[in-house]
């Protein structure tokens, strides 16, 4: 979605889909009296797990800084780092707008009172689009009307029913989804508008095993089929487990399809402290320039990961159908 005024693009809304390569843990901070010691963040309205936009932008910013050589460097006796918050008051951010810093301009910076800017890329929370769950025919991916969008809410699927959307589940009259058994919907519905909501970037293997269930059952299935792991702290002096250091934590399982939006804004008409945003030699900062640097950061998610517990084999996810961008000078 693009917004134009006098043929000038002001912003572009782009929706991304990602598949988790490893379980992903984005915690709520500290322990809770719940079924696990370290639960993951959930949407307060649906109680479904999500990845906040701040986690996406923070990891992408660090990755973009690595790709562009802006992670840590020196200019004379001064040390700079455009990754993270840039020191206590942003003093380590370079804050360059002409030429535009490929990290500070897309993600924003602050170098004290009166000198800073909001990033030209706005990141929104990632929500579960397709969730993998075990069944008698192997893994299937469940979704619900609220996850797909308003077009399919007229399906009126009941809590004890499932609607097969993939050919591998079409022939099943009954199917278990983890601990719950559901029956195939017994009324004819027009699946075409629903299937059009499944983007082409979703792998064929997953498309063949998609099942639509009610919103209420979707919430129950997701929260009862999250990955739960147990860890223990090791005493470095003995190499053995510390007493009382056993803890559990949950994660979004591998194979989950997530969806999130990013709004890319143009910097053509912006000025910071009297300076216009320019890439180099008077070339303006465009939407495509901002998008390229953010997406170069996204590509490292499948290597460096996102969220916590990275040293315990968690965090990697791959964004689907990303174009291979070029590194900018």
Protein backbone atom coordinates (compact mmCIF):
# COMPACT_ATOMS: atom_id res chain seq x y z
CA UNK A 1 0.00 0.00 0.00
CA UNK A 2 1.43 3.32 -1.08
CA UNK A 3 0.23 6.84 -0.26
CA UNK A 4 0.96 9.47 -2.90
CA UNK A 5 0.57 13.25 -2.94
CA UNK A 6 1.22 15.02 -6.25
CA UNK A 7 2.77 11.79 -7.55
CA UNK A 8 5.26 11.72 -4.65
CA UNK A 9 5.28 8.55 -2.57
CA UNK A 10 5.02 9.38 1.12
CA UNK A 11 5.00 5.90 2.60
CA UNK A 12 4.67 2.21 1.79
CA UNK A 13 3.09 -0.47 3.95
CA UNK A 14 4.66 -3.90 3.45
CA UNK A 15 3.52 -7.16 5.07
CA UNK A 16 6.17 -9.77 5.84
CA UNK A 17 5.77 -13.47 6.52
CA UNK A 18 8.41 -15.45 8.40
CA UNK A 19 8.87 -19.08 9.37
CA UNK A 20 10.56 -19.97 12.64
CA UNK A 21 13.61 -22.18 12.09
CA UNK A 22 14.11 -22.64 15.84
CA UNK A 23 11.75 -22.09 18.76
CA UNK A 24 11.55 -18.37 19.61
CA UNK A 25 11.42 -17.02 23.16
CA UNK A 26 10.55 -13.38 23.74
CA UNK A 27 10.02 -13.22 27.47
CA UNK A 28 8.05 -10.80 29.62
CA UNK A 29 10.94 -10.24 32.02
CA UNK A 30 11.42 -12.04 35.32
CA UNK A 31 9.63 -15.13 36.59
CA UNK A 32 5.88 -15.58 37.02
CA UNK A 33 3.64 -17.91 38.98
CA UNK A 34 2.39 -19.66 35.85
CA UNK A 35 2.77 -23.09 34.31
CA UNK A 36 6.36 -22.19 33.42
CA UNK A 37 8.89 -20.01 35.21
CA UNK A 38 9.67 -17.85 32.15
CA UNK A 39 6.56 -17.36 30.00
CA UNK A 40 6.59 -15.60 26.65
CA UNK A 41 4.93 -12.32 25.75
CA UNK A 42 1.24 -12.49 24.83
CA UNK A 43 -1.28 -10.14 23.29
CA UNK A 44 -3.48 -8.89 26.15
CA UNK A 45 -6.64 -9.08 24.01
CA UNK A 46 -6.29 -12.61 22.62
CA UNK A 47 -3.73 -14.15 25.00
CA UNK A 48 -1.88 -15.39 21.93
CA UNK A 49 1.94 -15.23 21.81
CA UNK A 50 3.46 -12.45 19.74
CA UNK A 51 6.80 -10.84 18.97
CA UNK A 52 6.69 -7.10 19.71
CA UNK A 53 7.76 -4.64 17.05
CA UNK A 54 10.49 -3.38 19.36
CA UNK A 55 12.14 -6.83 19.34
CA UNK A 56 11.99 -6.95 15.54
CA UNK A 57 13.37 -3.44 15.09
CA UNK A 58 16.07 -3.88 17.75
CA UNK A 59 17.44 -7.07 16.22
CA UNK A 60 17.15 -5.70 12.67
CA UNK A 61 18.98 -2.53 13.71
CA UNK A 62 21.91 -4.49 15.13
CA UNK A 63 22.03 -6.63 11.99
CA UNK A 64 21.95 -3.63 9.66
CA UNK A 65 24.75 -2.08 11.70
CA UNK A 66 26.83 -5.23 11.23
CA UNK A 67 26.20 -5.34 7.48
CA UNK A 68 27.07 -1.67 6.95
CA UNK A 69 30.06 -1.48 9.31
CA UNK A 70 28.23 0.79 11.75
CA UNK A 71 28.23 -1.59 14.70
CA UNK A 72 31.37 -0.21 16.32
CA UNK A 73 34.04 2.11 14.99
CA UNK A 74 36.24 5.05 15.90
CA UNK A 75 36.63 8.54 14.48
CA UNK A 76 39.76 9.92 16.05
CA UNK A 77 39.39 9.46 19.80
CA UNK A 78 35.63 9.12 19.67
CA UNK A 79 33.90 5.76 19.69
CA UNK A 80 30.64 5.29 17.79
CA UNK A 81 28.03 2.56 17.59
CA UNK A 82 24.77 2.98 15.69
CA UNK A 83 23.45 -0.32 17.05
CA UNK A 84 21.29 -0.29 20.17
CA UNK A 85 20.50 2.94 21.98
CA UNK A 86 23.98 4.37 21.37
CA UNK A 87 25.12 4.84 24.93
CA UNK A 88 23.32 6.44 27.86
CA UNK A 89 21.96 9.41 25.88
CA UNK A 90 22.55 8.32 22.30
CA UNK A 91 25.93 10.01 22.21
CA UNK A 92 27.47 7.06 20.34
CA UNK A 93 25.03 7.30 17.44
CA UNK A 94 26.61 9.08 14.52
CA UNK A 95 23.33 10.79 13.64
CA UNK A 96 24.50 11.56 10.12
CA UNK A 97 21.78 12.79 7.77
CA UNK A 98 23.93 14.04 4.87
CA UNK A 99 25.21 11.54 3.94
CA UNK A 100 22.44 9.55 5.59
CA UNK A 101 23.53 6.85 8.01
CA UNK A 102 22.01 3.50 6.88
CA UNK A 103 21.24 2.71 10.54
CA UNK A 104 20.36 6.00 12.24
CA UNK A 105 18.01 7.22 9.51
CA UNK A 106 15.92 4.04 9.00
CA UNK A 107 15.74 3.18 12.74
CA UNK A 108 16.03 6.61 14.36
CA UNK A 109 18.53 8.19 16.73
CA UNK A 110 18.84 10.61 19.61
CA UNK A 111 21.95 12.60 20.44
CA UNK A 112 20.54 14.69 23.24
CA UNK A 113 17.99 17.48 23.47
CA UNK A 114 16.86 18.82 20.12
CA UNK A 115 18.99 16.56 17.95
CA UNK A 116 17.33 13.32 16.93
CA UNK A 117 14.69 11.81 14.70
CA UNK A 118 12.19 9.03 14.60
CA UNK A 119 13.22 6.27 12.25
CA UNK A 120 11.75 6.22 8.77
CA UNK A 121 10.77 2.56 9.28
CA UNK A 122 7.88 1.80 11.66
CA UNK A 123 7.68 -1.78 12.96
CA UNK A 124 4.51 -3.52 14.12
CA UNK A 125 4.05 -6.64 16.25
CA UNK A 126 4.43 -10.08 14.65
CA UNK A 127 1.41 -12.33 15.18
CA UNK A 128 0.91 -16.03 14.54
CA UNK A 129 -0.55 -16.63 11.07
CA UNK A 130 -0.21 -20.42 10.81
CA UNK A 131 0.56 -22.61 13.82
CA UNK A 132 2.00 -26.17 13.53
CA UNK A 133 0.39 -28.88 15.64
CA UNK A 134 0.71 -32.65 15.74
CA UNK A 135 -2.07 -34.85 14.32
CA UNK A 136 -2.59 -38.49 13.39
CA UNK A 137 -1.54 -37.66 9.80
CA UNK A 138 1.54 -35.75 10.88
CA UNK A 139 1.98 -32.01 11.32
CA UNK A 140 -0.80 -29.68 10.22
CA UNK A 141 -0.94 -25.89 10.34
CA UNK A 142 -3.99 -24.31 11.96
CA UNK A 143 -5.32 -20.81 11.57
CA UNK A 144 -8.54 -18.98 12.41
CA UNK A 145 -10.73 -16.18 11.03
CA UNK A 146 -9.18 -13.56 13.30
CA UNK A 147 -5.70 -14.53 12.11
CA UNK A 148 -6.62 -14.46 8.41
CA UNK A 149 -8.75 -11.31 8.33
CA UNK A 150 -12.33 -10.13 8.19
CA UNK A 151 -13.18 -11.73 4.85
CA UNK A 152 -13.55 -15.21 6.30
CA UNK A 153 -15.43 -14.41 9.51
CA UNK A 154 -18.67 -15.31 7.68
CA UNK A 155 -17.55 -18.93 7.68
CA UNK A 156 -19.29 -19.41 11.05
CA UNK A 157 -17.16 -22.39 11.94
CA UNK A 158 -18.16 -24.04 15.22
CA UNK A 159 -15.83 -24.91 18.08
CA UNK A 160 -16.09 -28.65 17.37
CA UNK A 161 -15.41 -28.30 13.63
CA UNK A 162 -12.49 -27.84 11.28
CA UNK A 163 -12.47 -26.66 7.69
CA UNK A 164 -9.74 -28.24 5.53
CA UNK A 165 -7.94 -25.78 3.26
CA UNK A 166 -5.14 -28.07 2.08
CA UNK A 167 -5.42 -31.19 -0.06
CA UNK A 168 -3.66 -33.41 2.49
CA UNK A 169 -6.43 -32.87 5.05
CA UNK A 170 -9.42 -32.73 2.68
CA UNK A 171 -10.31 -36.42 2.98
CA UNK A 172 -10.39 -36.55 6.80
CA UNK A 173 -13.82 -36.57 8.47
CA UNK A 174 -12.25 -36.39 11.94
CA UNK A 175 -8.83 -35.17 12.91
CA UNK A 176 -6.98 -34.61 16.16
CA UNK A 177 -5.08 -31.41 16.83
CA UNK A 178 -2.82 -32.34 19.69
CA UNK A 179 -5.17 -33.29 22.51
CA UNK A 180 -8.49 -32.30 20.86
CA UNK A 181 -10.51 -34.14 18.20
CA UNK A 182 -12.57 -32.09 15.74
CA UNK A 183 -15.03 -33.03 13.01
CA UNK A 184 -14.95 -31.83 9.42
CA UNK A 185 -17.40 -28.97 8.77
CA UNK A 186 -20.66 -30.39 7.37
CA UNK A 187 -21.80 -27.42 5.28
CA UNK A 188 -20.60 -26.18 1.95
CA UNK A 189 -18.59 -22.97 2.08
CA UNK A 190 -16.80 -20.93 -0.54
CA UNK A 191 -13.12 -21.52 0.21
CA UNK A 192 -11.77 -19.35 -2.58
CA UNK A 193 -11.90 -16.03 -0.66
CA UNK A 194 -10.16 -17.75 2.26
CA UNK A 195 -7.43 -19.33 0.10
CA UNK A 196 -6.72 -15.94 -1.46
CA UNK A 197 -5.62 -14.76 1.99
CA UNK A 198 -2.79 -17.33 1.99
CA UNK A 199 0.19 -15.58 0.32
CA UNK A 200 2.15 -17.29 -2.44
CA UNK A 201 5.37 -17.18 -0.39
CA UNK A 202 4.07 -19.86 2.01
CA UNK A 203 5.82 -23.18 1.20
CA UNK A 204 3.71 -25.72 -0.70
CA UNK A 205 4.25 -28.40 1.96
CA UNK A 206 2.54 -26.12 4.49
CA UNK A 207 -0.23 -25.01 2.11
CA UNK A 208 -1.24 -28.63 1.62
CA UNK A 209 -1.83 -29.04 5.37
CA UNK A 210 -3.65 -25.85 6.40
CA UNK A 211 -6.79 -26.18 8.52
CA UNK A 212 -9.20 -23.43 9.54
CA UNK A 213 -10.68 -23.67 13.05
CA UNK A 214 -12.67 -21.32 15.27
CA UNK A 215 -10.97 -18.44 17.05
CA UNK A 216 -11.76 -19.87 20.50
CA UNK A 217 -10.26 -23.29 19.74
CA UNK A 218 -7.28 -21.72 17.96
CA UNK A 219 -6.32 -19.86 21.15
CA UNK A 220 -6.58 -23.06 23.21
CA UNK A 221 -4.59 -25.14 20.72
CA UNK A 222 -1.79 -22.59 20.42
CA UNK A 223 -1.35 -22.09 24.16
CA UNK A 224 -1.42 -25.82 24.90
CA UNK A 225 1.09 -26.73 22.18
CA UNK A 226 3.88 -24.22 22.81
CA UNK A 227 7.32 -25.68 23.29
CA UNK A 228 8.32 -25.93 26.96
CA UNK A 229 11.93 -26.60 27.91
CA UNK A 230 13.69 -27.19 31.18
CA UNK A 231 17.13 -25.81 31.94
CA UNK A 232 19.43 -25.63 34.89
CA UNK A 233 22.26 -23.31 35.84
CA UNK A 234 25.71 -24.86 36.05
CA UNK A 235 28.11 -24.16 38.90
CA UNK A 236 31.37 -23.20 37.12
CA UNK A 237 33.47 -24.39 40.05
CA UNK A 238 32.09 -27.94 39.98
CA UNK A 239 30.70 -28.29 36.47
CA UNK A 240 27.52 -29.72 38.01
CA UNK A 241 24.00 -28.37 38.29
CA UNK A 242 23.42 -25.80 41.00
CA UNK A 243 20.92 -26.65 43.71
CA UNK A 244 17.56 -24.95 43.23
CA UNK A 245 18.54 -23.59 39.83
CA UNK A 246 16.10 -25.64 37.75
CA UNK A 247 13.73 -23.50 35.64
CA UNK A 248 11.32 -23.92 32.73
CA UNK A 249 10.53 -21.60 29.84
CA UNK A 250 8.23 -21.65 26.84
CA UNK A 251 8.69 -20.71 23.20
CA UNK A 252 6.87 -20.41 19.90
CA UNK A 253 7.69 -23.74 18.16
CA UNK A 254 9.68 -24.14 14.97
CA UNK A 255 7.65 -24.18 11.77
CA UNK A 256 5.31 -21.40 12.91
CA UNK A 257 4.39 -18.82 10.26
CA UNK A 258 4.40 -15.25 11.61
CA UNK A 259 3.08 -12.10 9.98
CA UNK A 260 4.03 -8.49 10.66
CA UNK A 261 3.88 -5.09 8.96
CA UNK A 262 6.49 -2.42 8.39
CA UNK A 263 5.69 1.10 7.20
CA UNK A 264 8.49 2.71 5.21
CA UNK A 265 8.43 6.50 5.04
CA UNK A 266 10.08 8.78 2.52
CA UNK A 267 12.76 11.21 3.66
CA UNK A 268 12.68 13.37 0.56
CA UNK A 269 11.08 16.38 2.27
CA UNK A 270 12.56 15.99 5.75
CA UNK A 271 15.15 18.22 7.41
CA UNK A 272 17.09 17.65 10.63
CA UNK A 273 18.70 20.74 12.16
CA UNK A 274 18.42 22.52 8.82
CA UNK A 275 19.95 19.65 6.86
CA UNK A 276 17.98 17.69 4.30
CA UNK A 277 18.19 13.91 4.34
CA UNK A 278 20.47 12.90 1.49
CA UNK A 279 22.14 9.59 0.65
CA UNK A 280 25.12 11.17 -1.14
CA UNK A 281 25.81 13.84 -3.75
CA UNK A 282 22.37 15.38 -3.18
CA UNK A 283 20.48 12.11 -3.82
CA UNK A 284 17.37 12.11 -1.58
CA UNK A 285 16.51 9.37 0.92
CA UNK A 286 13.76 7.33 -0.74
CA UNK A 287 11.44 4.60 0.48
CA UNK A 288 13.40 2.00 -1.47
CA UNK A 289 16.66 3.08 0.20
CA UNK A 290 15.15 2.70 3.67
CA UNK A 291 13.56 -0.64 2.80
CA UNK A 292 16.80 -2.04 1.37
CA UNK A 293 18.77 -1.46 4.56
CA UNK A 294 16.04 -2.81 6.83
CA UNK A 295 15.63 -5.95 4.72
CA UNK A 296 19.39 -6.52 4.72
CA UNK A 297 19.04 -6.62 8.50
CA UNK A 298 16.09 -9.02 8.25
CA UNK A 299 18.20 -11.51 6.29
CA UNK A 300 20.47 -12.11 9.27
CA UNK A 301 17.52 -13.31 11.41
CA UNK A 302 18.08 -16.82 10.04
CA UNK A 303 21.68 -16.74 11.28
CA UNK A 304 21.78 -14.55 14.39
CA UNK A 305 18.21 -15.01 15.56
CA UNK A 306 15.81 -12.85 17.54
CA UNK A 307 14.61 -12.84 21.14
CA UNK A 308 16.23 -14.59 24.09
CA UNK A 309 17.77 -17.99 24.83
CA UNK A 310 19.96 -17.80 21.72
CA UNK A 311 22.71 -19.78 23.43
CA UNK A 312 20.19 -22.57 24.01
CA UNK A 313 19.38 -23.12 20.34
CA UNK A 314 16.54 -20.63 19.97
CA UNK A 315 15.71 -17.55 17.96
CA UNK A 316 16.36 -18.15 14.27
CA UNK A 317 13.63 -17.35 11.76
CA UNK A 318 13.60 -16.86 8.00
CA UNK A 319 11.66 -14.16 6.21
CA UNK A 320 9.93 -15.59 3.17
CA UNK A 321 10.26 -14.19 -0.35
CA UNK A 322 12.75 -11.48 0.52
CA UNK A 323 14.51 -10.05 -2.49
CA UNK A 324 18.28 -10.22 -2.46
CA UNK A 325 19.28 -6.63 -1.75
CA UNK A 326 22.63 -5.07 -2.35
CA UNK A 327 24.83 -3.57 0.29
CA UNK A 328 24.91 0.19 0.12
CA UNK A 329 28.00 2.28 0.46
